[in-house]
Amino acid sequence: DSHLGAAFNLSVMASAALGNTVSDFVGQTAGGAIGEAAERLGWPNPKLTEDQKKLHISKRAHQLGTIVGIVIGCLLGMLPLLFMESREDRTSRKVFKAIDRRGNGKISQEDLADAFQLIGLRDYDWVADLVMHETGGSFNLDMFRSQLRKAKGWLIMNNKTIDMSGDIDKDHMMEIVKDLFERSHEKSQKEWEALFNRVDLRGSGRISCSELLEVFYLLHFEASQLIVKKDRKDVSPRKKS
């Protein structure tokens, strides 16, 4: 879904169907290899006669073995899900690390205010103080994700989204930008639309709240790079002297 589905603009169900097709193809082509592996392991081959294969007990055993094999295969195929992060979780973790300047797994009010100021958020000190009041002080990744869910609810309740899914389009994003960002920091509409298109991997013209967070991450990254370049320019003349 996050790779082929995004590349070919497929729905979640279409991506699942495509994955099932691939797994069925692999299962059919690997059948012979599995049989050969069983022989190498010394597993006995029943070598049933044609008459024995026609017996009800043989048919039932074959059907039961097929069902058990499919169920076990599906369960084993789901194991990687235990170790995979959703795109939403990956984005929140990435943003959390960017804000957590000390790298101690906690975001302080100073960290949050600096991040808000860096992306050009209006009343950044007040917003950071409001978040800290909600969290009761410095917070970890789990509490950060909890605050993101509250932010999504706020957007939905204030009609900043297309529908109850929390998705937004370009018009909604521009409305959010005008409400939350300083005028001095505003990019042109084309620049904002370019950021929107960078995170809209499906090209559907709508992005989730998690993808909106990715837009803010890109703003933070760009602003951080500008500061680094400025610091290098300030330092280089001193080295020459």
C-alpha atoms as a PDB file:
ATOM      1  CA  ASP A   1       0.000   0.000   0.000  1.00  0.00           C
ATOM      2  CA  SER A   2       2.786   2.447   0.903  1.00  0.00           C
ATOM      3  CA  HIS A   3       4.938   1.566  -2.130  1.00  0.00           C
ATOM      4  CA  LEU A   4       3.126   0.035  -5.134  1.00  0.00           C
ATOM      5  CA  GLY A   5      -0.236   1.375  -3.977  1.00  0.00           C
ATOM      6  CA  ALA A   6       1.159   4.898  -3.717  1.00  0.00           C
ATOM      7  CA  ALA A   7       3.052   4.599  -7.017  1.00  0.00           C
ATOM      8  CA  PHE A   8       0.002   3.418  -9.005  1.00  0.00           C
ATOM      9  CA  ASN A   9      -2.632   5.358  -7.020  1.00  0.00           C
ATOM     10  CA  LEU A  10      -4.370   2.176  -5.781  1.00  0.00           C
ATOM     11  CA  SER A  11      -6.868   1.981  -2.947  1.00  0.00           C
ATOM     12  CA  VAL A  12      -6.050  -0.010   0.185  1.00  0.00           C
ATOM     13  CA  MET A  13      -8.308  -2.878  -0.971  1.00  0.00           C
ATOM     14  CA  ALA A  14      -6.742  -2.876  -4.445  1.00  0.00           C
ATOM     15  CA  SER A  15      -3.278  -2.986  -2.855  1.00  0.00           C
ATOM     16  CA  ALA A  16      -4.367  -5.930  -0.685  1.00  0.00           C
ATOM     17  CA  ALA A  17      -5.741  -7.738  -3.744  1.00  0.00           C
ATOM     18  CA  LEU A  18      -2.481  -7.145  -5.620  1.00  0.00           C
ATOM     19  CA  GLY A  19      -0.499  -8.497  -2.665  1.00  0.00           C
ATOM     20  CA  ASN A  20      -2.748 -11.578  -2.553  1.00  0.00           C
ATOM     21  CA  THR A  21      -2.179 -12.146  -6.280  1.00  0.00           C
ATOM     22  CA  VAL A  22       1.587 -12.019  -5.813  1.00  0.00           C
ATOM     23  CA  SER A  23       1.453 -14.396  -2.835  1.00  0.00           C
ATOM     24  CA  ASP A  24      -0.740 -16.879  -4.767  1.00  0.00           C
ATOM     25  CA  PHE A  25       1.672 -16.793  -7.707  1.00  0.00           C
ATOM     26  CA  VAL A  26       4.651 -17.425  -5.430  1.00  0.00           C
ATOM     27  CA  GLY A  27       2.779 -20.213  -3.646  1.00  0.00           C
ATOM     28  CA  GLN A  28       1.971 -21.996  -6.904  1.00  0.00           C
ATOM     29  CA  THR A  29       5.483 -21.692  -8.336  1.00  0.00           C
ATOM     30  CA  ALA A  30       7.127 -22.709  -5.056  1.00  0.00           C
ATOM     31  CA  GLY A  31       5.035 -25.859  -4.659  1.00  0.00           C
ATOM     32  CA  GLY A  32       7.558 -28.071  -6.450  1.00  0.00           C
ATOM     33  CA  ALA A  33      10.464 -26.636  -4.476  1.00  0.00           C
ATOM     34  CA  ILE A  34       8.641 -27.354  -1.221  1.00  0.00           C
ATOM     35  CA  GLY A  35       8.043 -30.966  -2.279  1.00  0.00           C
ATOM     36  CA  GLU A  36      11.723 -31.417  -3.124  1.00  0.00           C
ATOM     37  CA  ALA A  37      12.727 -29.919   0.222  1.00  0.00           C
ATOM     38  CA  ALA A  38      10.422 -32.372   2.018  1.00  0.00           C
ATOM     39  CA  GLU A  39      12.094 -35.274   0.243  1.00  0.00           C
ATOM     40  CA  ARG A  40      15.549 -34.047   1.224  1.00  0.00           C
ATOM     41  CA  LEU A  41      14.414 -33.841   4.839  1.00  0.00           C
ATOM     42  CA  GLY A  42      13.399 -37.474   4.623  1.00  0.00           C
ATOM     43  CA  TRP A  43       9.709 -36.926   5.126  1.00  0.00           C
ATOM     44  CA  PRO A  44       7.855 -40.057   3.938  1.00  0.00           C
ATOM     45  CA  ASN A  45       5.873 -39.987   0.710  1.00  0.00           C
ATOM     46  CA  PRO A  46       2.622 -41.924   1.203  1.00  0.00           C
ATOM     47  CA  LYS A  47       2.572 -43.026  -2.463  1.00  0.00           C
ATOM     48  CA  LEU A  48      -1.161 -43.677  -2.500  1.00  0.00           C
ATOM     49  CA  THR A  49      -2.700 -45.727  -5.263  1.00  0.00           C
ATOM     50  CA  GLU A  50      -5.439 -44.227  -7.450  1.00  0.00           C
ATOM     51  CA  ASP A  51      -8.076 -46.202  -5.547  1.00  0.00           C
ATOM     52  CA  GLN A  52      -6.722 -44.972  -2.198  1.00  0.00           C
ATOM     53  CA  LYS A  53      -6.793 -41.363  -3.436  1.00  0.00           C
ATOM     54  CA  LYS A  54     -10.515 -41.748  -4.184  1.00  0.00           C
ATOM     55  CA  LEU A  55     -11.338 -42.774  -0.613  1.00  0.00           C
ATOM     56  CA  HIS A  56     -13.318 -40.247   1.441  1.00  0.00           C
ATOM     57  CA  ILE A  57     -10.750 -40.303   4.239  1.00  0.00           C
ATOM     58  CA  SER A  58      -7.969 -39.467   1.741  1.00  0.00           C
ATOM     59  CA  LYS A  59      -9.962 -36.561   0.319  1.00  0.00           C
ATOM     60  CA  ARG A  60     -10.751 -35.242   3.798  1.00  0.00           C
ATOM     61  CA  ALA A  61      -7.126 -35.516   4.881  1.00  0.00           C
ATOM     62  CA  HIS A  62      -6.047 -33.650   1.731  1.00  0.00           C
ATOM     63  CA  GLN A  63      -8.636 -30.919   2.306  1.00  0.00           C
ATOM     64  CA  LEU A  64      -7.762 -30.581   5.995  1.00  0.00           C
ATOM     65  CA  GLY A  65      -4.033 -30.441   5.216  1.00  0.00           C
ATOM     66  CA  THR A  66      -4.629 -27.754   2.586  1.00  0.00           C
ATOM     67  CA  ILE A  67      -6.696 -25.629   5.001  1.00  0.00           C
ATOM     68  CA  VAL A  68      -4.166 -25.970   7.827  1.00  0.00           C
ATOM     69  CA  GLY A  69      -1.300 -25.156   5.470  1.00  0.00           C
ATOM     70  CA  ILE A  70      -3.034 -22.017   4.152  1.00  0.00           C
ATOM     71  CA  VAL A  71      -3.897 -20.805   7.670  1.00  0.00           C
ATOM     72  CA  ILE A  72      -0.355 -21.351   8.947  1.00  0.00           C
ATOM     73  CA  GLY A  73       1.105 -19.686   5.841  1.00  0.00           C
ATOM     74  CA  CYS A  74      -1.158 -16.637   6.266  1.00  0.00           C
ATOM     75  CA  LEU A  75      -0.278 -16.310   9.948  1.00  0.00           C
ATOM     76  CA  LEU A  76       3.436 -16.579   9.196  1.00  0.00           C
ATOM     77  CA  GLY A  77       3.029 -13.991   6.438  1.00  0.00           C
ATOM     78  CA  MET A  78       1.513 -11.587   8.969  1.00  0.00           C
ATOM     79  CA  LEU A  79       4.480 -11.810  11.352  1.00  0.00           C
ATOM     80  CA  PRO A  80       6.354  -8.882   9.713  1.00  0.00           C
ATOM     81  CA  LEU A  81       3.417  -6.645  10.706  1.00  0.00           C
ATOM     82  CA  LEU A  82       4.594  -6.967  14.311  1.00  0.00           C
ATOM     83  CA  PHE A  83       7.822  -5.191  13.376  1.00  0.00           C
ATOM     84  CA  MET A  84       6.474  -2.655  10.870  1.00  0.00           C
ATOM     85  CA  GLU A  85       5.526   0.950  11.603  1.00  0.00           C
ATOM     86  CA  SER A  86       2.694   2.618   9.770  1.00  0.00           C
ATOM     87  CA  ARG A  87       3.506   5.709   7.757  1.00  0.00           C
ATOM     88  CA  GLU A  88       1.724   7.750  10.412  1.00  0.00           C
ATOM     89  CA  ASP A  89       3.933   6.313  13.181  1.00  0.00           C
ATOM     90  CA  ARG A  90       7.096   6.792  11.100  1.00  0.00           C
ATOM     91  CA  THR A  91       6.198  10.419  10.473  1.00  0.00           C
ATOM     92  CA  SER A  92       5.435  11.150  14.128  1.00  0.00           C
ATOM     93  CA  ARG A  93       8.693   9.477  15.214  1.00  0.00           C
ATOM     94  CA  LYS A  94      10.668  11.503  12.650  1.00  0.00           C
ATOM     95  CA  VAL A  95       9.084  14.781  13.758  1.00  0.00           C
ATOM     96  CA  PHE A  96       9.585  13.917  17.438  1.00  0.00           C
ATOM     97  CA  LYS A  97      13.315  13.330  16.859  1.00  0.00           C
ATOM     98  CA  ALA A  98      13.606  16.628  14.991  1.00  0.00           C
ATOM     99  CA  ILE A  99      12.051  18.534  17.920  1.00  0.00           C
ATOM    100  CA  ASP A 100      13.918  16.573  20.625  1.00  0.00           C
ATOM    101  CA  ARG A 101      17.195  18.466  20.257  1.00  0.00           C
ATOM    102  CA  ARG A 102      18.783  16.913  23.339  1.00  0.00           C
ATOM    103  CA  GLY A 103      18.033  13.402  22.143  1.00  0.00           C
ATOM    104  CA  ASN A 104      16.823  12.314  25.579  1.00  0.00           C
ATOM    105  CA  GLY A 105      13.418  11.045  24.440  1.00  0.00           C
ATOM    106  CA  LYS A 106      11.611  14.043  25.971  1.00  0.00           C
ATOM    107  CA  ILE A 107      10.324  17.280  24.451  1.00  0.00           C
ATOM    108  CA  SER A 108      10.486  20.297  26.729  1.00  0.00           C
ATOM    109  CA  GLN A 109       8.549  23.557  26.422  1.00  0.00           C
ATOM    110  CA  GLU A 110      11.693  25.244  25.114  1.00  0.00           C
ATOM    111  CA  ASP A 111      12.140  22.535  22.445  1.00  0.00           C
ATOM    112  CA  LEU A 112       8.537  22.896  21.350  1.00  0.00           C
ATOM    113  CA  ALA A 113       8.556  26.715  21.284  1.00  0.00           C
ATOM    114  CA  ASP A 114      11.783  26.735  19.255  1.00  0.00           C
ATOM    115  CA  ALA A 115      10.316  24.265  16.745  1.00  0.00           C
ATOM    116  CA  PHE A 116       7.104  26.313  16.438  1.00  0.00           C
ATOM    117  CA  GLN A 117       9.091  29.519  15.974  1.00  0.00           C
ATOM    118  CA  LEU A 118      11.307  27.847  13.374  1.00  0.00           C
ATOM    119  CA  ILE A 119       8.370  26.900  11.132  1.00  0.00           C
ATOM    120  CA  GLY A 120       6.785  30.333  11.590  1.00  0.00           C
ATOM    121  CA  LEU A 121       3.847  29.451  13.824  1.00  0.00           C
ATOM    122  CA  ARG A 122       1.932  32.430  15.200  1.00  0.00           C
ATOM    123  CA  ASP A 123       1.979  32.862  19.020  1.00  0.00           C
ATOM    124  CA  TYR A 124       4.463  29.999  19.307  1.00  0.00           C
ATOM    125  CA  ASP A 125       5.221  30.602  23.007  1.00  0.00           C
ATOM    126  CA  TRP A 126       1.536  30.571  23.911  1.00  0.00           C
ATOM    127  CA  VAL A 127       0.862  27.400  21.883  1.00  0.00           C
ATOM    128  CA  ALA A 128       3.856  25.630  23.458  1.00  0.00           C
ATOM    129  CA  ASP A 129       2.628  26.653  26.915  1.00  0.00           C
ATOM    130  CA  LEU A 130      -0.855  25.324  26.071  1.00  0.00           C
ATOM    131  CA  VAL A 131       0.577  21.949  25.029  1.00  0.00           C
ATOM    132  CA  MET A 132       2.662  21.753  28.196  1.00  0.00           C
ATOM    133  CA  HIS A 133      -0.454  22.465  30.260  1.00  0.00           C
ATOM    134  CA  GLU A 134      -2.149  19.519  28.497  1.00  0.00           C
ATOM    135  CA  THR A 135       0.770  17.138  29.017  1.00  0.00           C
ATOM    136  CA  GLY A 136       1.774  18.298  32.489  1.00  0.00           C
ATOM    137  CA  GLY A 137       5.349  19.073  31.443  1.00  0.00           C
ATOM    138  CA  SER A 138       7.944  17.468  29.179  1.00  0.00           C
ATOM    139  CA  PHE A 139       6.519  14.536  27.249  1.00  0.00           C
ATOM    140  CA  ASN A 140       7.660  11.394  25.405  1.00  0.00           C
ATOM    141  CA  LEU A 141       6.776   9.952  21.987  1.00  0.00           C
ATOM    142  CA  ASP A 142       3.538   8.298  23.153  1.00  0.00           C
ATOM    143  CA  MET A 143       2.230  11.550  24.630  1.00  0.00           C
ATOM    144  CA  PHE A 144       3.347  13.363  21.481  1.00  0.00           C
ATOM    145  CA  ARG A 145       1.206  11.017  19.390  1.00  0.00           C
ATOM    146  CA  SER A 146      -1.683  11.586  21.789  1.00  0.00           C
ATOM    147  CA  GLN A 147      -1.384  15.349  21.222  1.00  0.00           C
ATOM    148  CA  LEU A 148      -1.361  14.777  17.465  1.00  0.00           C
ATOM    149  CA  ARG A 149      -4.654  12.884  17.743  1.00  0.00           C
ATOM    150  CA  LYS A 150      -6.116  15.807  19.705  1.00  0.00           C
ATOM    151  CA  ALA A 151      -4.876  18.208  17.010  1.00  0.00           C
ATOM    152  CA  LYS A 152      -6.624  16.091  14.378  1.00  0.00           C
ATOM    153  CA  GLY A 153      -9.836  16.250  16.416  1.00  0.00           C
ATOM    154  CA  TRP A 154      -9.475  20.032  16.675  1.00  0.00           C
ATOM    155  CA  LEU A 155      -9.127  20.334  12.895  1.00  0.00           C
ATOM    156  CA  ILE A 156     -12.230  18.193  12.325  1.00  0.00           C
ATOM    157  CA  MET A 157     -14.333  20.049  14.930  1.00  0.00           C
ATOM    158  CA  ASN A 158     -13.356  23.428  13.433  1.00  0.00           C
ATOM    159  CA  ASN A 159     -14.221  22.370   9.865  1.00  0.00           C
ATOM    160  CA  LYS A 160     -10.604  22.517   8.720  1.00  0.00           C
ATOM    161  CA  THR A 161     -10.896  19.122   7.002  1.00  0.00           C
ATOM    162  CA  ILE A 162     -12.800  17.719   4.027  1.00  0.00           C
ATOM    163  CA  ASP A 163     -14.800  15.275   6.174  1.00  0.00           C
ATOM    164  CA  MET A 164     -14.640  13.251   9.376  1.00  0.00           C
ATOM    165  CA  SER A 165     -11.667  11.271   8.019  1.00  0.00           C
ATOM    166  CA  GLY A 166      -9.458  14.250   8.840  1.00  0.00           C
ATOM    167  CA  ASP A 167      -8.154  14.552   5.273  1.00  0.00           C
ATOM    168  CA  ILE A 168      -7.524  18.005   3.830  1.00  0.00           C
ATOM    169  CA  ASP A 169      -7.110  19.401   0.330  1.00  0.00           C
ATOM    170  CA  LYS A 170      -5.031  22.343  -0.877  1.00  0.00           C
ATOM    171  CA  ASP A 171      -7.729  24.891  -0.053  1.00  0.00           C
ATOM    172  CA  HIS A 172      -8.035  23.608   3.508  1.00  0.00           C
ATOM    173  CA  MET A 173      -4.263  23.647   3.915  1.00  0.00           C
ATOM    174  CA  MET A 174      -4.061  27.257   2.757  1.00  0.00           C
ATOM    175  CA  GLU A 175      -6.796  28.154   5.243  1.00  0.00           C
ATOM    176  CA  ILE A 176      -4.815  26.463   8.056  1.00  0.00           C
ATOM    177  CA  VAL A 177      -1.660  28.280   6.962  1.00  0.00           C
ATOM    178  CA  LYS A 178      -3.406  31.677   7.040  1.00  0.00           C
ATOM    179  CA  ASP A 179      -4.843  30.968  10.498  1.00  0.00           C
ATOM    180  CA  LEU A 180      -1.706  29.588  12.149  1.00  0.00           C
ATOM    181  CA  PHE A 181       1.341  31.104  10.466  1.00  0.00           C
ATOM    182  CA  GLU A 182       2.967  34.511  10.638  1.00  0.00           C
ATOM    183  CA  ARG A 183       2.584  36.606   7.495  1.00  0.00           C
ATOM    184  CA  SER A 184       6.305  37.298   7.418  1.00  0.00           C
ATOM    185  CA  HIS A 185       6.972  33.564   7.155  1.00  0.00           C
ATOM    186  CA  GLU A 186       4.337  32.776   4.534  1.00  0.00           C
ATOM    187  CA  LYS A 187       5.509  31.143   1.332  1.00  0.00           C
ATOM    188  CA  SER A 188       3.829  31.843  -1.971  1.00  0.00           C
ATOM    189  CA  GLN A 189       0.777  29.728  -2.787  1.00  0.00           C
ATOM    190  CA  LYS A 190       2.794  27.842  -5.412  1.00  0.00           C
ATOM    191  CA  GLU A 191       5.432  26.960  -2.805  1.00  0.00           C
ATOM    192  CA  TRP A 192       2.766  25.682  -0.399  1.00  0.00           C
ATOM    193  CA  GLU A 193       1.178  23.660  -3.198  1.00  0.00           C
ATOM    194  CA  ALA A 194       4.593  22.185  -4.034  1.00  0.00           C
ATOM    195  CA  LEU A 195       4.935  21.041  -0.394  1.00  0.00           C
ATOM    196  CA  PHE A 196       1.426  19.578  -0.557  1.00  0.00           C
ATOM    197  CA  ASN A 197       2.290  17.638  -3.719  1.00  0.00           C
ATOM    198  CA  ARG A 198       5.503  16.281  -2.130  1.00  0.00           C
ATOM    199  CA  VAL A 199       3.543  14.471   0.579  1.00  0.00           C
ATOM    200  CA  ASP A 200       0.516  13.585  -1.581  1.00  0.00           C
ATOM    201  CA  LEU A 201       2.112  10.369  -2.859  1.00  0.00           C
ATOM    202  CA  ARG A 202      -1.140   9.081  -4.331  1.00  0.00           C
ATOM    203  CA  GLY A 203      -1.761  12.262  -6.282  1.00  0.00           C
ATOM    204  CA  SER A 204      -5.348  12.227  -5.013  1.00  0.00           C
ATOM    205  CA  GLY A 205      -5.488  15.939  -4.166  1.00  0.00           C
ATOM    206  CA  ARG A 206      -6.081  15.179  -0.471  1.00  0.00           C
ATOM    207  CA  ILE A 207      -3.691  14.386   2.364  1.00  0.00           C
ATOM    208  CA  SER A 208      -4.144  12.978   5.863  1.00  0.00           C
ATOM    209  CA  CYS A 209      -3.316  14.823   9.082  1.00  0.00           C
ATOM    210  CA  SER A 210      -0.183  12.676   9.296  1.00  0.00           C
ATOM    211  CA  GLU A 211       0.880  13.914   5.851  1.00  0.00           C
ATOM    212  CA  LEU A 212       0.109  17.487   6.944  1.00  0.00           C
ATOM    213  CA  LEU A 213       2.513  16.878   9.819  1.00  0.00           C
ATOM    214  CA  GLU A 214       5.064  15.859   7.196  1.00  0.00           C
ATOM    215  CA  VAL A 215       4.579  19.261   5.535  1.00  0.00           C
ATOM    216  CA  PHE A 216       5.478  20.915   8.848  1.00  0.00           C
ATOM    217  CA  TYR A 217       8.489  18.610   9.133  1.00  0.00           C
ATOM    218  CA  LEU A 218       9.688  19.779   5.707  1.00  0.00           C
ATOM    219  CA  LEU A 219       9.293  23.398   6.859  1.00  0.00           C
ATOM    220  CA  HIS A 220      11.319  22.627   9.979  1.00  0.00           C
ATOM    221  CA  PHE A 221      14.039  20.912   7.944  1.00  0.00           C
ATOM    222  CA  GLU A 222      14.287  23.777   5.433  1.00  0.00           C
ATOM    223  CA  ALA A 223      14.480  26.388   8.202  1.00  0.00           C
ATOM    224  CA  SER A 224      17.120  24.338  10.064  1.00  0.00           C
ATOM    225  CA  GLN A 225      19.244  24.078   6.925  1.00  0.00           C
ATOM    226  CA  LEU A 226      19.071  27.849   6.417  1.00  0.00           C
ATOM    227  CA  ILE A 227      20.304  28.407   9.991  1.00  0.00           C
ATOM    228  CA  VAL A 228      23.178  25.947   9.467  1.00  0.00           C
ATOM    229  CA  LYS A 229      24.218  27.724   6.261  1.00  0.00           C
ATOM    230  CA  LYS A 230      24.041  31.102   7.976  1.00  0.00           C
ATOM    231  CA  ASP A 231      26.171  29.853  10.888  1.00  0.00           C
ATOM    232  CA  ARG A 232      28.774  28.520   8.458  1.00  0.00           C
ATOM    233  CA  LYS A 233      28.960  31.896   6.713  1.00  0.00           C
ATOM    234  CA  ASP A 234      29.390  33.634  10.060  1.00  0.00           C
ATOM    235  CA  VAL A 235      32.153  31.261  11.138  1.00  0.00           C
ATOM    236  CA  SER A 236      34.178  31.099   7.894  1.00  0.00           C
ATOM    237  CA  PRO A 237      35.462  34.739   7.926  1.00  0.00           C
ATOM    238  CA  ARG A 238      36.742  34.259  11.505  1.00  0.00           C
ATOM    239  CA  LYS A 239      38.740  31.222  10.431  1.00  0.00           C
ATOM    240  CA  LYS A 240      40.409  33.223   7.664  1.00  0.00           C
ATOM    241  CA  SER A 241      41.308  36.000  10.071  1.00  0.00           C
END
